[in-house]
Amino acid sequence: MYTIAHVENVYSEKFGVPRQSGLVNEVESRIVFEPEFRVPEALRGLEKFSHLWLIWVFDRAERRGRDDSLQAADMPESARGESGLPGEVKCDWRPTVRPPRLGGNARMGVFATRSPFRPNPIGLSCVELERIENDEVNGPVITVRGADLMNGTPILDIKPYIPYADCKVEATGGFTDETMFNTVDVHIPDELVRKLGGEEAEKLKAVLGQDPRPAYQREQERAYTFRFSRYDVSFLAENGALKVTSVRLVK
């Protein structure tokens, strides 16, 4: 496997990253290729597609080492060494996970979710192709919208989205059909809009509108702070809406 590129965007930490691709099209992401893959010919014809598949790595998902305190009884048989001891784990994985959209309590099979905690930490996202430009320093750079990847995420491959093959209008969404999240109202005071600038404020509003809070905290009224772009943003959740209370530029 080779890392062919990395993502550059405003998502500096996990909190605030959209839960799925395509939810926040206001935010652009740049795909910057590694030096050996900065070959314009490799992108020939890509500009005629409207959407792309990104295959990438959950590089910041916490994973246990071989010498951790994991109990062998918690692992599937196929993940144990010959003696069944934790120190001989061949692959650190769990057959079930707790999806955040189910409140973090109910367990589902890992292969029935998009959890980052997988046998192989590989992600798949469908994004909208905005433009392809040639950068004097970085060579060909792809700009996309709707990415759900953190800044710096390694990209393993890029493939065109093909509507006749990839779009299944009859598809069902399993437990996600029953747990649809509604967007929430977001208020950013005028003085903070001026501090951010109109474009950045609209991006922040779109991100917060997806309600980045964990599902089990959505009924709570409390304050949050997270990193967005060049800012530490604080907001207050109350009466079912989110209000930005401060924006601090991080130097």
Protein backbone atom coordinates (compact mmCIF):
# COMPACT_ATOMS: atom_id res chain seq x y z
CA MET A 1 0.00 0.00 0.00
CA TYR A 2 1.19 3.50 -0.81
CA THR A 3 -0.01 6.85 0.50
CA ILE A 4 -0.59 8.78 -2.72
CA ALA A 5 -1.84 12.06 -1.21
CA HIS A 6 -2.99 13.89 1.91
CA VAL A 7 -6.03 16.02 2.62
CA GLU A 8 -5.84 19.70 3.55
CA ASN A 9 -8.91 21.31 5.12
CA VAL A 10 -10.30 23.09 8.20
CA TYR A 11 -11.02 19.94 10.23
CA SER A 12 -8.17 19.98 12.74
CA GLU A 13 -9.71 17.48 15.16
CA LYS A 14 -12.28 14.71 15.16
CA PHE A 15 -14.99 16.81 16.84
CA GLY A 16 -16.75 18.75 14.10
CA VAL A 17 -15.90 16.46 11.20
CA PRO A 18 -19.15 15.55 9.38
CA ARG A 19 -20.39 12.06 10.23
CA GLN A 20 -20.62 11.12 6.56
CA SER A 21 -19.40 12.56 3.30
CA GLY A 22 -21.63 14.92 1.36
CA LEU A 23 -23.26 16.51 4.43
CA VAL A 24 -21.29 19.77 4.45
CA ASN A 25 -20.59 20.92 0.90
CA GLU A 26 -19.72 24.44 2.08
CA VAL A 27 -16.26 23.25 3.14
CA GLU A 28 -13.62 22.63 0.49
CA SER A 29 -10.79 20.12 0.89
CA ARG A 30 -7.59 19.99 -1.13
CA ILE A 31 -6.05 16.67 -2.14
CA VAL A 32 -2.29 17.22 -2.36
CA PHE A 33 -0.29 14.40 -3.89
CA GLU A 34 2.95 12.96 -2.56
CA PRO A 35 5.97 13.91 -4.72
CA GLU A 36 6.17 10.65 -6.72
CA PHE A 37 2.48 10.88 -7.62
CA ARG A 38 2.50 14.49 -8.83
CA VAL A 39 1.99 13.42 -12.43
CA PRO A 40 -0.66 15.38 -14.35
CA GLU A 41 -1.20 12.48 -16.79
CA ALA A 42 -2.53 10.36 -13.90
CA LEU A 43 -5.55 12.71 -13.71
CA ARG A 44 -6.27 12.84 -17.43
CA GLY A 45 -10.06 12.63 -17.94
CA LEU A 46 -10.91 13.01 -14.26
CA GLU A 47 -12.27 16.53 -14.80
CA LYS A 48 -15.27 15.12 -16.70
CA PHE A 49 -16.61 13.40 -13.56
CA SER A 50 -18.72 15.26 -11.00
CA HIS A 51 -17.93 13.06 -7.98
CA LEU A 52 -15.06 10.92 -6.74
CA TRP A 53 -14.50 8.02 -4.37
CA LEU A 54 -11.68 8.55 -1.89
CA ILE A 55 -10.11 5.51 -0.25
CA TRP A 56 -8.22 6.60 2.84
CA VAL A 57 -6.78 5.62 6.21
CA PHE A 58 -8.18 6.19 9.71
CA ASP A 59 -4.67 7.16 10.74
CA ARG A 60 -5.68 8.70 14.06
CA ALA A 61 -8.06 6.02 15.29
CA GLU A 62 -6.70 4.64 18.55
CA ARG A 63 -5.54 1.06 18.15
CA ARG A 64 -4.17 -1.28 20.81
CA GLY A 65 -0.65 -2.63 20.67
CA ARG A 66 0.39 -6.25 20.99
CA ASP A 67 1.37 -5.86 24.65
CA ASP A 68 -1.83 -4.20 25.94
CA SER A 69 -4.09 -5.55 28.66
CA LEU A 70 -6.81 -6.81 26.35
CA GLN A 71 -8.37 -10.01 27.61
CA ALA A 72 -8.23 -12.95 25.21
CA ALA A 73 -11.84 -13.82 26.05
CA ASP A 74 -12.92 -10.51 24.46
CA MET A 75 -11.43 -11.42 21.09
CA PRO A 76 -12.77 -13.60 18.31
CA GLU A 77 -10.89 -16.92 17.99
CA SER A 78 -9.40 -15.89 14.65
CA ALA A 79 -7.64 -12.92 16.27
CA ARG A 80 -5.70 -14.98 18.84
CA GLY A 81 -2.33 -16.64 18.60
CA GLU A 82 -1.85 -20.39 19.01
CA SER A 83 -1.90 -20.16 22.81
CA GLY A 84 -4.85 -17.74 22.85
CA LEU A 85 -2.89 -15.20 24.90
CA PRO A 86 -3.29 -11.46 24.41
CA GLY A 87 0.40 -11.05 23.55
CA GLU A 88 -0.09 -13.19 20.46
CA VAL A 89 -2.89 -11.20 18.85
CA LYS A 90 -2.61 -11.43 15.07
CA CYS A 91 -5.12 -8.68 14.32
CA ASP A 92 -6.48 -6.18 16.82
CA TRP A 93 -10.19 -5.93 16.11
CA ARG A 94 -13.62 -6.33 17.70
CA PRO A 95 -16.62 -8.04 16.11
CA THR A 96 -18.97 -5.41 17.55
CA VAL A 97 -18.82 -1.64 18.07
CA ARG A 98 -21.06 1.02 19.58
CA PRO A 99 -22.23 3.43 16.84
CA PRO A 100 -22.51 7.04 18.11
CA ARG A 101 -25.82 7.53 16.28
CA LEU A 102 -27.33 4.79 18.48
CA GLY A 103 -26.32 6.71 21.60
CA GLY A 104 -23.08 4.85 22.23
CA ASN A 105 -24.84 2.03 24.10
CA ALA A 106 -26.24 -0.42 21.54
CA ARG A 107 -23.78 -2.76 19.87
CA MET A 108 -23.75 -3.56 16.15
CA GLY A 109 -21.50 -5.77 14.07
CA VAL A 110 -18.43 -3.86 12.93
CA PHE A 111 -19.17 -4.72 9.31
CA ALA A 112 -22.65 -3.20 9.68
CA THR A 113 -21.14 0.17 10.62
CA ARG A 114 -18.66 2.73 9.39
CA SER A 115 -16.74 2.78 12.65
CA PRO A 116 -13.03 3.67 12.34
CA PHE A 117 -12.18 0.73 14.63
CA ARG A 118 -11.91 -2.01 12.00
CA PRO A 119 -9.58 -4.92 11.20
CA ASN A 120 -8.10 -2.65 8.53
CA PRO A 121 -8.56 1.09 9.27
CA ILE A 122 -9.71 2.01 5.76
CA GLY A 123 -12.34 4.64 4.95
CA LEU A 124 -14.41 5.27 1.82
CA SER A 125 -15.98 8.65 0.99
CA CYS A 126 -17.89 10.05 -1.95
CA VAL A 127 -17.04 13.71 -2.58
CA GLU A 128 -17.94 16.34 -5.16
CA LEU A 129 -15.18 17.33 -7.56
CA GLU A 130 -14.85 21.12 -7.56
CA ARG A 131 -11.75 21.68 -9.67
CA ILE A 132 -8.29 20.43 -10.62
CA GLU A 133 -5.46 22.95 -10.67
CA ASN A 134 -1.73 22.84 -11.23
CA ASP A 135 0.13 24.24 -8.25
CA GLU A 136 3.70 25.49 -8.81
CA VAL A 137 4.87 23.79 -5.62
CA ASN A 138 2.57 20.76 -5.26
CA GLY A 139 1.82 19.89 -8.88
CA PRO A 140 -1.78 18.85 -9.69
CA VAL A 141 -4.12 19.51 -6.75
CA ILE A 142 -7.73 18.31 -6.57
CA THR A 143 -10.27 20.44 -4.71
CA VAL A 144 -13.41 18.66 -3.52
CA ARG A 145 -16.49 19.44 -1.44
CA GLY A 146 -18.30 17.34 1.14
CA ALA A 147 -15.30 15.46 2.56
CA ASP A 148 -15.57 13.85 6.00
CA LEU A 149 -11.81 13.52 6.52
CA MET A 150 -9.57 15.28 9.02
CA ASN A 151 -6.79 17.57 7.89
CA GLY A 152 -3.72 15.49 7.03
CA THR A 153 -5.60 12.23 6.38
CA PRO A 154 -3.63 9.90 4.06
CA ILE A 155 -5.29 8.99 0.76
CA LEU A 156 -4.64 5.52 -0.67
CA ASP A 157 -6.57 5.82 -3.93
CA ILE A 158 -8.98 7.96 -5.94
CA LYS A 159 -11.64 6.54 -8.25
CA PRO A 160 -14.38 8.23 -10.29
CA TYR A 161 -17.97 7.91 -9.10
CA ILE A 162 -19.96 6.26 -11.91
CA PRO A 163 -23.72 6.94 -11.57
CA TYR A 164 -25.07 3.93 -13.47
CA ALA A 165 -23.00 1.54 -11.36
CA ASP A 166 -22.68 3.33 -8.01
CA CYS A 167 -26.16 4.83 -7.54
CA LYS A 168 -28.70 2.32 -6.18
CA VAL A 169 -32.03 4.11 -5.75
CA GLU A 170 -33.61 1.01 -4.22
CA ALA A 171 -30.96 0.71 -1.49
CA THR A 172 -31.92 0.58 2.19
CA GLY A 173 -29.91 2.02 5.05
CA GLY A 174 -30.32 -0.51 7.85
CA PHE A 175 -30.41 1.02 11.32
CA THR A 176 -29.41 4.42 9.88
CA ASP A 177 -32.87 4.72 8.26
CA GLU A 178 -34.33 4.73 11.77
CA THR A 179 -31.87 7.17 13.32
CA MET A 180 -31.79 10.09 10.92
CA PHE A 181 -30.34 13.24 12.49
CA ASN A 182 -32.01 16.56 11.81
CA THR A 183 -29.96 19.70 11.39
CA VAL A 184 -30.07 22.24 14.22
CA ASP A 185 -30.36 26.02 14.26
CA VAL A 186 -27.05 27.83 14.69
CA HIS A 187 -26.61 31.44 15.78
CA ILE A 188 -23.33 33.31 15.35
CA PRO A 189 -23.40 36.88 16.74
CA ASP A 190 -22.58 39.61 14.24
CA GLU A 191 -19.35 40.59 16.00
CA LEU A 192 -18.07 37.01 15.70
CA VAL A 193 -19.13 36.83 12.04
CA ARG A 194 -16.98 39.90 11.42
CA LYS A 195 -14.08 38.33 13.30
CA LEU A 196 -14.29 35.13 11.26
CA GLY A 197 -15.16 36.71 7.96
CA GLY A 198 -18.36 35.92 6.10
CA GLU A 199 -17.08 32.87 4.22
CA GLU A 200 -15.54 31.20 7.26
CA ALA A 201 -18.65 31.96 9.31
CA GLU A 202 -20.85 30.21 6.73
CA LYS A 203 -18.59 27.16 6.81
CA LEU A 204 -18.70 27.07 10.60
CA LYS A 205 -22.47 27.44 10.57
CA ALA A 206 -22.78 24.51 8.15
CA VAL A 207 -20.54 22.32 10.31
CA LEU A 208 -22.40 23.13 13.52
CA GLY A 209 -25.73 22.71 11.77
CA GLN A 210 -24.96 18.98 11.55
CA ASP A 211 -24.73 19.00 15.37
CA PRO A 212 -21.31 17.49 16.13
CA ARG A 213 -22.28 16.60 19.70
CA PRO A 214 -22.42 12.88 20.58
CA ALA A 215 -25.94 11.49 20.34
CA TYR A 216 -26.10 10.81 24.09
CA GLN A 217 -25.40 14.50 24.82
CA ARG A 218 -28.04 16.00 22.55
CA GLU A 219 -30.54 16.51 25.33
CA GLN A 220 -27.99 18.26 27.53
CA GLU A 221 -27.45 22.00 27.79
CA ARG A 222 -23.73 22.64 28.09
CA ALA A 223 -20.75 24.45 26.57
CA TYR A 224 -18.29 23.00 24.05
CA THR A 225 -15.00 24.14 22.53
CA PHE A 226 -13.33 22.72 19.44
CA ARG A 227 -10.72 23.64 16.84
CA PHE A 228 -12.07 24.84 13.50
CA SER A 229 -9.68 26.08 10.86
CA ARG A 230 -7.41 28.62 12.61
CA TYR A 231 -9.76 29.17 15.52
CA ASP A 232 -10.79 27.73 18.85
CA VAL A 233 -14.57 27.98 18.73
CA SER A 234 -16.80 27.80 21.79
CA PHE A 235 -20.53 27.27 21.55
CA LEU A 236 -23.43 26.72 23.89
CA ALA A 237 -26.18 24.15 23.39
CA GLU A 238 -29.51 25.29 24.74
CA ASN A 239 -33.17 24.92 23.81
CA GLY A 240 -32.32 22.61 20.93
CA ALA A 241 -30.09 25.18 19.18
CA LEU A 242 -26.38 26.02 19.16
CA LYS A 243 -24.98 29.49 19.81
CA VAL A 244 -21.36 30.42 19.15
CA THR A 245 -20.08 32.30 22.19
CA SER A 246 -16.44 32.98 21.36
CA VAL A 247 -13.90 32.66 18.57
CA ARG A 248 -10.18 32.80 19.37
CA LEU A 249 -7.50 32.89 16.71
CA VAL A 250 -4.85 30.23 17.37
CA LYS A 251 -1.35 31.43 16.55
